Amino acid sequence: MKIVMAIIKPFKLDEVRDALTKSEQLWVLASPDALKSTWVHTEWGAAWILNKPILPILFRLQPDMLPDRLRMLQVIDYHNYPGELKKLVEGRSLEASRAS
């Protein structure tokens, strides 16, 4: 399973587009700063248009603070499951490194 997670670093637009196209789903770390980011909105909006499952992960944010299209999705509150999410992300990273 391919998952796209946005990481703040220099990137090329084609790489972002390619990653979104190839991914099976998009996890959005939804924080107050992320909701102000044009790029975060662009990425989840593209995933929505491509009919990719989107999983908002709330970080210092309440569900009612999400944009309408994200609010109607099932969300995970990071603060309830930090250890489990860390294990899941590490497991996905391990899968990705094995696949390459």
PDB file of N, CA and C in Angstrom:
ATOM      1  N   MET A   1       0.842  -1.167   0.000  1.00  0.00           N
ATOM      2  CA  MET A   1       0.000   0.000   0.000  1.00  0.00           C
ATOM      3  C   MET A   1       0.887   1.229   0.000  1.00  0.00           C
ATOM      4  N   LYS A   2       0.621   2.163  -0.900  1.00  0.00           N
ATOM      5  CA  LYS A   2       1.387   3.396  -0.957  1.00  0.00           C
ATOM      6  C   LYS A   2       0.604   4.489  -0.270  1.00  0.00           C
ATOM      7  N   ILE A   3       1.280   5.239   0.577  1.00  0.00           N
ATOM      8  CA  ILE A   3       0.666   6.320   1.334  1.00  0.00           C
ATOM      9  C   ILE A   3       1.508   7.557   1.118  1.00  0.00           C
ATOM     10  N   VAL A   4       0.879   8.682   0.894  1.00  0.00           N
ATOM     11  CA  VAL A   4       1.589   9.936   0.746  1.00  0.00           C
ATOM     12  C   VAL A   4       1.474  10.700   2.046  1.00  0.00           C
ATOM     13  N   MET A   5       2.599  11.137   2.551  1.00  0.00           N
ATOM     14  CA  MET A   5       2.597  12.017   3.718  1.00  0.00           C
ATOM     15  C   MET A   5       3.449  13.219   3.362  1.00  0.00           C
ATOM     16  N   ALA A   6       2.892  14.401   3.509  1.00  0.00           N
ATOM     17  CA  ALA A   6       3.624  15.610   3.180  1.00  0.00           C
ATOM     18  C   ALA A   6       4.681  15.878   4.239  1.00  0.00           C
ATOM     19  N   ILE A   7       5.902  16.092   3.792  1.00  0.00           N
ATOM     20  CA  ILE A   7       7.017  16.409   4.680  1.00  0.00           C
ATOM     21  C   ILE A   7       7.586  17.739   4.212  1.00  0.00           C
ATOM     22  N   ILE A   8       7.840  18.639   5.141  1.00  0.00           N
ATOM     23  CA  ILE A   8       8.342  19.951   4.769  1.00  0.00           C
ATOM     24  C   ILE A   8       9.806  19.819   4.354  1.00  0.00           C
ATOM     25  N   LYS A   9      10.051  19.991   3.073  1.00  0.00           N
ATOM     26  CA  LYS A   9      11.391  19.971   2.506  1.00  0.00           C
ATOM     27  C   LYS A   9      11.277  20.509   1.095  1.00  0.00           C
ATOM     28  N   PRO A  10      12.390  20.896   0.497  1.00  0.00           N
ATOM     29  CA  PRO A  10      12.301  21.345  -0.900  1.00  0.00           C
ATOM     30  C   PRO A  10      11.779  20.204  -1.767  1.00  0.00           C
ATOM     31  N   PHE A  11      10.914  20.504  -2.699  1.00  0.00           N
ATOM     32  CA  PHE A  11      10.345  19.468  -3.545  1.00  0.00           C
ATOM     33  C   PHE A  11      10.097  20.021  -4.939  1.00  0.00           C
ATOM     34  N   LYS A  12       9.845  19.126  -5.841  1.00  0.00           N
ATOM     35  CA  LYS A  12       9.501  19.494  -7.205  1.00  0.00           C
ATOM     36  C   LYS A  12       8.024  19.192  -7.404  1.00  0.00           C
ATOM     37  N   LEU A  13       7.335  20.060  -8.108  1.00  0.00           N
ATOM     38  CA  LEU A  13       5.900  19.878  -8.318  1.00  0.00           C
ATOM     39  C   LEU A  13       5.586  18.548  -8.986  1.00  0.00           C
ATOM     40  N   ASP A  14       6.406  18.139  -9.944  1.00  0.00           N
ATOM     41  CA  ASP A  14       6.163  16.866 -10.623  1.00  0.00           C
ATOM     42  C   ASP A  14       6.258  15.691  -9.651  1.00  0.00           C
ATOM     43  N   GLU A  15       7.156  15.778  -8.671  1.00  0.00           N
ATOM     44  CA  GLU A  15       7.293  14.697  -7.686  1.00  0.00           C
ATOM     45  C   GLU A  15       6.042  14.597  -6.819  1.00  0.00           C
ATOM     46  N   VAL A  16       5.491  15.732  -6.423  1.00  0.00           N
ATOM     47  CA  VAL A  16       4.270  15.739  -5.616  1.00  0.00           C
ATOM     48  C   VAL A  16       3.114  15.166  -6.427  1.00  0.00           C
ATOM     49  N   ARG A  17       2.971  15.622  -7.675  1.00  0.00           N
ATOM     50  CA  ARG A  17       1.903  15.130  -8.546  1.00  0.00           C
ATOM     51  C   ARG A  17       2.034  13.623  -8.766  1.00  0.00           C
ATOM     52  N   ASP A  18       3.254  13.169  -9.020  1.00  0.00           N
ATOM     53  CA  ASP A  18       3.499  11.749  -9.255  1.00  0.00           C
ATOM     54  C   ASP A  18       3.177  10.917  -8.005  1.00  0.00           C
ATOM     55  N   ALA A  19       3.594  11.406  -6.844  1.00  0.00           N
ATOM     56  CA  ALA A  19       3.334  10.684  -5.593  1.00  0.00           C
ATOM     57  C   ALA A  19       1.835  10.593  -5.315  1.00  0.00           C
ATOM     58  N   LEU A  20       1.119  11.682  -5.537  1.00  0.00           N
ATOM     59  CA  LEU A  20      -0.338  11.660  -5.322  1.00  0.00           C
ATOM     60  C   LEU A  20      -1.029  10.720  -6.297  1.00  0.00           C
ATOM     61  N   THR A  21      -0.595  10.723  -7.533  1.00  0.00           N
ATOM     62  CA  THR A  21      -1.202   9.860  -8.547  1.00  0.00           C
ATOM     63  C   THR A  21      -0.981   8.391  -8.225  1.00  0.00           C
ATOM     64  N   LYS A  22       0.219   8.048  -7.755  1.00  0.00           N
ATOM     65  CA  LYS A  22       0.565   6.657  -7.489  1.00  0.00           C
ATOM     66  C   LYS A  22       0.063   6.155  -6.132  1.00  0.00           C
ATOM     67  N   SER A  23      -0.275   7.062  -5.247  1.00  0.00           N
ATOM     68  CA  SER A  23      -0.684   6.645  -3.906  1.00  0.00           C
ATOM     69  C   SER A  23      -2.062   6.002  -3.907  1.00  0.00           C
ATOM     70  N   GLU A  24      -2.292   5.164  -2.907  1.00  0.00           N
ATOM     71  CA  GLU A  24      -3.608   4.567  -2.728  1.00  0.00           C
ATOM     72  C   GLU A  24      -4.472   5.413  -1.804  1.00  0.00           C
ATOM     73  N   GLN A  25      -3.834   6.207  -0.938  1.00  0.00           N
ATOM     74  CA  GLN A  25      -4.569   7.047  -0.003  1.00  0.00           C
ATOM     75  C   GLN A  25      -3.671   8.185   0.450  1.00  0.00           C
ATOM     76  N   LEU A  26      -4.277   9.174   1.082  1.00  0.00           N
ATOM     77  CA  LEU A  26      -3.534  10.326   1.582  1.00  0.00           C
ATOM     78  C   LEU A  26      -3.857  10.515   3.059  1.00  0.00           C
ATOM     79  N   TRP A  27      -2.820  10.594   3.868  1.00  0.00           N
ATOM     80  CA  TRP A  27      -2.983  10.943   5.276  1.00  0.00           C
ATOM     81  C   TRP A  27      -2.646  12.423   5.403  1.00  0.00           C
ATOM     82  N   VAL A  28      -3.520  13.180   6.027  1.00  0.00           N
ATOM     83  CA  VAL A  28      -3.312  14.610   6.209  1.00  0.00           C
ATOM     84  C   VAL A  28      -3.112  14.881   7.692  1.00  0.00           C
ATOM     85  N   LEU A  29      -1.936  15.374   8.058  1.00  0.00           N
ATOM     86  CA  LEU A  29      -1.714  15.801   9.430  1.00  0.00           C
ATOM     87  C   LEU A  29      -2.357  17.180   9.549  1.00  0.00           C
ATOM     88  N   ALA A  30      -3.554  17.215  10.121  1.00  0.00           N
ATOM     89  CA  ALA A  30      -4.358  18.427  10.182  1.00  0.00           C
ATOM     90  C   ALA A  30      -4.051  19.178  11.477  1.00  0.00           C
ATOM     91  N   SER A  31      -3.327  20.266  11.328  1.00  0.00           N
ATOM     92  CA  SER A  31      -2.984  21.129  12.458  1.00  0.00           C
ATOM     93  C   SER A  31      -3.430  22.546  12.100  1.00  0.00           C
ATOM     94  N   PRO A  32      -3.433  23.452  13.064  1.00  0.00           N
ATOM     95  CA  PRO A  32      -3.800  24.837  12.727  1.00  0.00           C
ATOM     96  C   PRO A  32      -2.906  25.401  11.612  1.00  0.00           C
ATOM     97  N   ASP A  33      -1.611  25.134  11.666  1.00  0.00           N
ATOM     98  CA  ASP A  33      -0.711  25.632  10.619  1.00  0.00           C
ATOM     99  C   ASP A  33      -0.998  24.969   9.274  1.00  0.00           C
ATOM    100  N   ALA A  34      -1.267  23.673   9.282  1.00  0.00           N
ATOM    101  CA  ALA A  34      -1.545  22.960   8.029  1.00  0.00           C
ATOM    102  C   ALA A  34      -2.788  23.521   7.350  1.00  0.00           C
ATOM    103  N   LEU A  35      -3.798  23.889   8.136  1.00  0.00           N
ATOM    104  CA  LEU A  35      -5.025  24.417   7.544  1.00  0.00           C
ATOM    105  C   LEU A  35      -4.818  25.786   6.911  1.00  0.00           C
ATOM    106  N   LYS A  36      -3.731  26.459   7.261  1.00  0.00           N
ATOM    107  CA  LYS A  36      -3.397  27.751   6.651  1.00  0.00           C
ATOM    108  C   LYS A  36      -2.547  27.579   5.391  1.00  0.00           C
ATOM    109  N   SER A  37      -2.055  26.367   5.166  1.00  0.00           N
ATOM    110  CA  SER A  37      -1.134  26.102   4.065  1.00  0.00           C
ATOM    111  C   SER A  37      -1.854  25.866   2.745  1.00  0.00           C
ATOM    112  N   THR A  38      -1.515  26.657   1.752  1.00  0.00           N
ATOM    113  CA  THR A  38      -2.071  26.470   0.412  1.00  0.00           C
ATOM    114  C   THR A  38      -1.695  25.102  -0.131  1.00  0.00           C
ATOM    115  N   TRP A  39      -0.476  24.646   0.139  1.00  0.00           N
ATOM    116  CA  TRP A  39      -0.020  23.352  -0.372  1.00  0.00           C
ATOM    117  C   TRP A  39      -0.785  22.184   0.242  1.00  0.00           C
ATOM    118  N   VAL A  40      -1.065  22.263   1.515  1.00  0.00           N
ATOM    119  CA  VAL A  40      -1.826  21.181   2.149  1.00  0.00           C
ATOM    120  C   VAL A  40      -3.221  21.109   1.531  1.00  0.00           C
ATOM    121  N   HIS A  41      -3.851  22.251   1.332  1.00  0.00           N
ATOM    122  CA  HIS A  41      -5.167  22.269   0.694  1.00  0.00           C
ATOM    123  C   HIS A  41      -5.084  21.733  -0.733  1.00  0.00           C
ATOM    124  N   THR A  42      -4.030  22.096  -1.450  1.00  0.00           N
ATOM    125  CA  THR A  42      -3.848  21.613  -2.815  1.00  0.00           C
ATOM    126  C   THR A  42      -3.696  20.097  -2.836  1.00  0.00           C
ATOM    127  N   GLU A  43      -2.901  19.551  -1.903  1.00  0.00           N
ATOM    128  CA  GLU A  43      -2.652  18.106  -1.883  1.00  0.00           C
ATOM    129  C   GLU A  43      -3.919  17.319  -1.540  1.00  0.00           C
ATOM    130  N   TRP A  44      -4.632  17.719  -0.496  1.00  0.00           N
ATOM    131  CA  TRP A  44      -5.827  16.933  -0.174  1.00  0.00           C
ATOM    132  C   TRP A  44      -6.930  17.182  -1.188  1.00  0.00           C
ATOM    133  N   GLY A  45      -6.963  18.372  -1.772  1.00  0.00           N
ATOM    134  CA  GLY A  45      -7.939  18.647  -2.826  1.00  0.00           C
ATOM    135  C   GLY A  45      -7.684  17.777  -4.060  1.00  0.00           C
ATOM    136  N   ALA A  46      -6.406  17.607  -4.410  1.00  0.00           N
ATOM    137  CA  ALA A  46      -6.051  16.742  -5.543  1.00  0.00           C
ATOM    138  C   ALA A  46      -6.413  15.297  -5.234  1.00  0.00           C
ATOM    139  N   ALA A  47      -6.132  14.853  -4.023  1.00  0.00           N
ATOM    140  CA  ALA A  47      -6.484  13.484  -3.632  1.00  0.00           C
ATOM    141  C   ALA A  47      -8.001  13.292  -3.686  1.00  0.00           C
ATOM    142  N   TRP A  48      -8.752  14.293  -3.278  1.00  0.00           N
ATOM    143  CA  TRP A  48     -10.210  14.225  -3.311  1.00  0.00           C
ATOM    144  C   TRP A  48     -10.704  14.112  -4.759  1.00  0.00           C
ATOM    145  N   ILE A  49     -10.137  14.929  -5.652  1.00  0.00           N
ATOM    146  CA  ILE A  49     -10.506  14.894  -7.068  1.00  0.00           C
ATOM    147  C   ILE A  49     -10.172  13.536  -7.677  1.00  0.00           C
ATOM    148  N   LEU A  50      -9.029  12.949  -7.265  1.00  0.00           N
ATOM    149  CA  LEU A  50      -8.604  11.641  -7.775  1.00  0.00           C
ATOM    150  C   LEU A  50      -9.339  10.483  -7.100  1.00  0.00           C
ATOM    151  N   ASN A  51     -10.271  10.813  -6.209  1.00  0.00           N
ATOM    152  CA  ASN A  51     -11.072   9.802  -5.497  1.00  0.00           C
ATOM    153  C   ASN A  51     -10.208   8.888  -4.624  1.00  0.00           C
ATOM    154  N   LYS A  52      -9.149   9.457  -4.028  1.00  0.00           N
ATOM    155  CA  LYS A  52      -8.289   8.702  -3.111  1.00  0.00           C
ATOM    156  C   LYS A  52      -8.876   8.808  -1.708  1.00  0.00           C
ATOM    157  N   PRO A  53      -8.839   7.746  -0.936  1.00  0.00           N
ATOM    158  CA  PRO A  53      -9.255   7.866   0.463  1.00  0.00           C
ATOM    159  C   PRO A  53      -8.335   8.861   1.187  1.00  0.00           C
ATOM    160  N   ILE A  54      -8.933   9.691   2.002  1.00  0.00           N
ATOM    161  CA  ILE A  54      -8.186  10.703   2.758  1.00  0.00           C
ATOM    162  C   ILE A  54      -8.423  10.452   4.234  1.00  0.00           C
ATOM    163  N   LEU A  55      -7.336  10.414   5.007  1.00  0.00           N
ATOM    164  CA  LEU A  55      -7.432  10.207   6.449  1.00  0.00           C
ATOM    165  C   LEU A  55      -6.856  11.420   7.169  1.00  0.00           C
ATOM    166  N   PRO A  56      -7.713  12.315   7.666  1.00  0.00           N
ATOM    167  CA  PRO A  56      -7.214  13.434   8.459  1.00  0.00           C
ATOM    168  C   PRO A  56      -6.765  12.945   9.846  1.00  0.00           C
ATOM    169  N   ILE A  57      -5.583  13.346  10.239  1.00  0.00           N
ATOM    170  CA  ILE A  57      -5.053  13.053  11.572  1.00  0.00           C
ATOM    171  C   ILE A  57      -5.000  14.390  12.305  1.00  0.00           C
ATOM    172  N   LEU A  58      -5.852  14.518  13.308  1.00  0.00           N
ATOM    173  CA  LEU A  58      -5.966  15.789  14.032  1.00  0.00           C
ATOM    174  C   LEU A  58      -4.796  15.980  14.991  1.00  0.00           C
ATOM    175  N   PHE A  59      -4.164  17.143  14.908  1.00  0.00           N
ATOM    176  CA  PHE A  59      -3.061  17.492  15.796  1.00  0.00           C
ATOM    177  C   PHE A  59      -3.303  18.919  16.275  1.00  0.00           C
ATOM    178  N   ARG A  60      -3.629  19.064  17.569  1.00  0.00           N
ATOM    179  CA  ARG A  60      -3.965  20.365  18.155  1.00  0.00           C
ATOM    180  C   ARG A  60      -5.134  21.023  17.419  1.00  0.00           C
ATOM    181  N   LEU A  61      -6.127  20.201  17.084  1.00  0.00           N
ATOM    182  CA  LEU A  61      -7.251  20.668  16.290  1.00  0.00           C
ATOM    183  C   LEU A  61      -8.488  19.856  16.650  1.00  0.00           C
ATOM    184  N   GLN A  62      -9.640  20.487  16.619  1.00  0.00           N
ATOM    185  CA  GLN A  62     -10.912  19.802  16.850  1.00  0.00           C
ATOM    186  C   GLN A  62     -11.545  19.489  15.492  1.00  0.00           C
ATOM    187  N   PRO A  63     -12.321  18.417  15.402  1.00  0.00           N
ATOM    188  CA  PRO A  63     -12.934  18.052  14.111  1.00  0.00           C
ATOM    189  C   PRO A  63     -13.750  19.174  13.481  1.00  0.00           C
ATOM    190  N   ASP A  64     -14.433  19.980  14.305  1.00  0.00           N
ATOM    191  CA  ASP A  64     -15.254  21.048  13.740  1.00  0.00           C
ATOM    192  C   ASP A  64     -14.435  22.182  13.137  1.00  0.00           C
ATOM    193  N   MET A  65     -13.116  22.150  13.297  1.00  0.00           N
ATOM    194  CA  MET A  65     -12.234  23.165  12.723  1.00  0.00           C
ATOM    195  C   MET A  65     -11.784  22.777  11.308  1.00  0.00           C
ATOM    196  N   LEU A  66     -12.090  21.555  10.885  1.00  0.00           N
ATOM    197  CA  LEU A  66     -11.690  21.090   9.553  1.00  0.00           C
ATOM    198  C   LEU A  66     -12.568  21.722   8.473  1.00  0.00           C
ATOM    199  N   PRO A  67     -12.024  21.858   7.259  1.00  0.00           N
ATOM    200  CA  PRO A  67     -12.877  22.282   6.139  1.00  0.00           C
ATOM    201  C   PRO A  67     -14.002  21.260   5.938  1.00  0.00           C
ATOM    202  N   ASP A  68     -15.097  21.699   5.373  1.00  0.00           N
ATOM    203  CA  ASP A  68     -16.286  20.846   5.227  1.00  0.00           C
ATOM    204  C   ASP A  68     -15.989  19.481   4.625  1.00  0.00           C
ATOM    205  N   ARG A  69     -15.234  19.441   3.521  1.00  0.00           N
ATOM    206  CA  ARG A  69     -14.986  18.157   2.848  1.00  0.00           C
ATOM    207  C   ARG A  69     -14.174  17.203   3.711  1.00  0.00           C
ATOM    208  N   LEU A  70     -13.318  17.717   4.585  1.00  0.00           N
ATOM    209  CA  LEU A  70     -12.558  16.850   5.492  1.00  0.00           C
ATOM    210  C   LEU A  70     -13.369  16.503   6.733  1.00  0.00           C
ATOM    211  N   ARG A  71     -14.231  17.405   7.148  1.00  0.00           N
ATOM    212  CA  ARG A  71     -15.022  17.191   8.359  1.00  0.00           C
ATOM    213  C   ARG A  71     -15.944  15.985   8.227  1.00  0.00           C
ATOM    214  N   MET A  72     -16.390  15.693   7.002  1.00  0.00           N
ATOM    215  CA  MET A  72     -17.323  14.581   6.818  1.00  0.00           C
ATOM    216  C   MET A  72     -16.617  13.227   6.774  1.00  0.00           C
ATOM    217  N   LEU A  73     -15.280  13.213   6.857  1.00  0.00           N
ATOM    218  CA  LEU A  73     -14.517  11.966   6.832  1.00  0.00           C
ATOM    219  C   LEU A  73     -14.255  11.455   8.242  1.00  0.00           C
ATOM    220  N   GLN A  74     -13.971  10.173   8.336  1.00  0.00           N
ATOM    221  CA  GLN A  74     -13.530   9.625   9.615  1.00  0.00           C
ATOM    222  C   GLN A  74     -12.142  10.198   9.900  1.00  0.00           C
ATOM    223  N   VAL A  75     -11.910  10.611  11.131  1.00  0.00           N
ATOM    224  CA  VAL A  75     -10.628  11.213  11.504  1.00  0.00           C
ATOM    225  C   VAL A  75     -10.002  10.421  12.648  1.00  0.00           C
ATOM    226  N   ILE A  76      -8.712  10.639  12.823  1.00  0.00           N
ATOM    227  CA  ILE A  76      -7.991  10.089  13.974  1.00  0.00           C
ATOM    228  C   ILE A  76      -7.447  11.271  14.758  1.00  0.00           C
ATOM    229  N   ASP A  77      -7.646  11.265  16.057  1.00  0.00           N
ATOM    230  CA  ASP A  77      -7.064  12.294  16.915  1.00  0.00           C
ATOM    231  C   ASP A  77      -5.699  11.794  17.365  1.00  0.00           C
ATOM    232  N   TYR A  78      -4.658  12.443  16.882  1.00  0.00           N
ATOM    233  CA  TYR A  78      -3.281  12.050  17.197  1.00  0.00           C
ATOM    234  C   TYR A  78      -3.074  11.901  18.701  1.00  0.00           C
ATOM    235  N   HIS A  79      -3.676  12.784  19.478  1.00  0.00           N
ATOM    236  CA  HIS A  79      -3.450  12.807  20.922  1.00  0.00           C
ATOM    237  C   HIS A  79      -4.024  11.583  21.631  1.00  0.00           C
ATOM    238  N   ASN A  80      -4.958  10.900  20.999  1.00  0.00           N
ATOM    239  CA  ASN A  80      -5.499   9.669  21.578  1.00  0.00           C
ATOM    240  C   ASN A  80      -4.653   8.446  21.243  1.00  0.00           C
ATOM    241  N   TYR A  81      -3.879   8.524  20.154  1.00  0.00           N
ATOM    242  CA  TYR A  81      -3.158   7.337  19.668  1.00  0.00           C
ATOM    243  C   TYR A  81      -1.729   7.640  19.215  1.00  0.00           C
ATOM    244  N   PRO A  82      -0.941   8.457  19.911  1.00  0.00           N
ATOM    245  CA  PRO A  82       0.390   8.814  19.386  1.00  0.00           C
ATOM    246  C   PRO A  82       1.304   7.606  19.198  1.00  0.00           C
ATOM    247  N   GLY A  83       1.300   6.669  20.122  1.00  0.00           N
ATOM    248  CA  GLY A  83       2.161   5.492  20.001  1.00  0.00           C
ATOM    249  C   GLY A  83       1.765   4.611  18.843  1.00  0.00           C
ATOM    250  N   GLU A  84       0.465   4.391  18.670  1.00  0.00           N
ATOM    251  CA  GLU A  84      -0.023   3.544  17.596  1.00  0.00           C
ATOM    252  C   GLU A  84       0.268   4.163  16.234  1.00  0.00           C
ATOM    253  N   LEU A  85       0.085   5.480  16.111  1.00  0.00           N
ATOM    254  CA  LEU A  85       0.373   6.139  14.837  1.00  0.00           C
ATOM    255  C   LEU A  85       1.856   6.080  14.513  1.00  0.00           C
ATOM    256  N   LYS A  86       2.700   6.241  15.519  1.00  0.00           N
ATOM    257  CA  LYS A  86       4.141   6.163  15.292  1.00  0.00           C
ATOM    258  C   LYS A  86       4.511   4.774  14.775  1.00  0.00           C
ATOM    259  N   LYS A  87       3.959   3.729  15.372  1.00  0.00           N
ATOM    260  CA  LYS A  87       4.235   2.368  14.919  1.00  0.00           C
ATOM    261  C   LYS A  87       3.738   2.158  13.495  1.00  0.00           C
ATOM    262  N   LEU A  88       2.554   2.676  13.193  1.00  0.00           N
ATOM    263  CA  LEU A  88       1.982   2.524  11.864  1.00  0.00           C
ATOM    264  C   LEU A  88       2.848   3.221  10.816  1.00  0.00           C
ATOM    265  N   VAL A  89       3.269   4.446  11.103  1.00  0.00           N
ATOM    266  CA  VAL A  89       4.118   5.185  10.171  1.00  0.00           C
ATOM    267  C   VAL A  89       5.458   4.479  10.001  1.00  0.00           C
ATOM    268  N   GLU A  90       6.055   4.015  11.096  1.00  0.00           N
ATOM    269  CA  GLU A  90       7.328   3.307  10.996  1.00  0.00           C
ATOM    270  C   GLU A  90       7.162   2.021  10.193  1.00  0.00           C
ATOM    271  N   GLY A  91       6.067   1.328  10.371  1.00  0.00           N
ATOM    272  CA  GLY A  91       5.804   0.100   9.610  1.00  0.00           C
ATOM    273  C   GLY A  91       5.652   0.393   8.125  1.00  0.00           C
ATOM    274  N   ARG A  92       4.966   1.488   7.797  1.00  0.00           N
ATOM    275  CA  ARG A  92       4.789   1.872   6.390  1.00  0.00           C
ATOM    276  C   ARG A  92       6.132   2.272   5.794  1.00  0.00           C
ATOM    277  N   SER A  93       6.964   2.959   6.570  1.00  0.00           N
ATOM    278  CA  SER A  93       8.286   3.367   6.069  1.00  0.00           C
ATOM    279  C   SER A  93       9.133   2.129   5.795  1.00  0.00           C
ATOM    280  N   LEU A  94       9.037   1.135   6.666  1.00  0.00           N
ATOM    281  CA  LEU A  94       9.773  -0.100   6.485  1.00  0.00           C
ATOM    282  C   LEU A  94       9.281  -0.824   5.233  1.00  0.00           C
ATOM    283  N   GLU A  95       7.948  -0.856   5.027  1.00  0.00           N
ATOM    284  CA  GLU A  95       7.398  -1.483   3.811  1.00  0.00           C
ATOM    285  C   GLU A  95       7.908  -0.786   2.572  1.00  0.00           C
ATOM    286  N   ALA A  96       7.925   0.542   2.592  1.00  0.00           N
ATOM    287  CA  ALA A  96       8.363   1.306   1.435  1.00  0.00           C
ATOM    288  C   ALA A  96       9.828   1.053   1.125  1.00  0.00           C
ATOM    289  N   SER A  97      10.667   0.965   2.158  1.00  0.00           N
ATOM    290  CA  SER A  97      12.094   0.733   1.918  1.00  0.00           C
ATOM    291  C   SER A  97      12.322  -0.667   1.378  1.00  0.00           C
ATOM    292  N   ARG A  98      11.514  -1.622   1.801  1.00  0.00           N
ATOM    293  CA  ARG A  98      11.644  -2.995   1.284  1.00  0.00           C
ATOM    294  C   ARG A  98      11.201  -3.069  -0.167  1.00  0.00           C
ATOM    295  N   ALA A  99      10.205  -2.276  -0.536  1.00  0.00           N
ATOM    296  CA  ALA A  99       9.672  -2.316  -1.897  1.00  0.00           C
ATOM    297  C   ALA A  99      10.608  -1.653  -2.903  1.00  0.00           C
ATOM    298  N   SER A 100      11.471  -0.751  -2.427  1.00  0.00           N
ATOM    299  CA  SER A 100      12.349  -0.051  -3.369  1.00  0.00           C
ATOM    300  C   SER A 100      13.550  -0.859  -3.750  1.00  0.00           C
TER     301      SER A 100
END
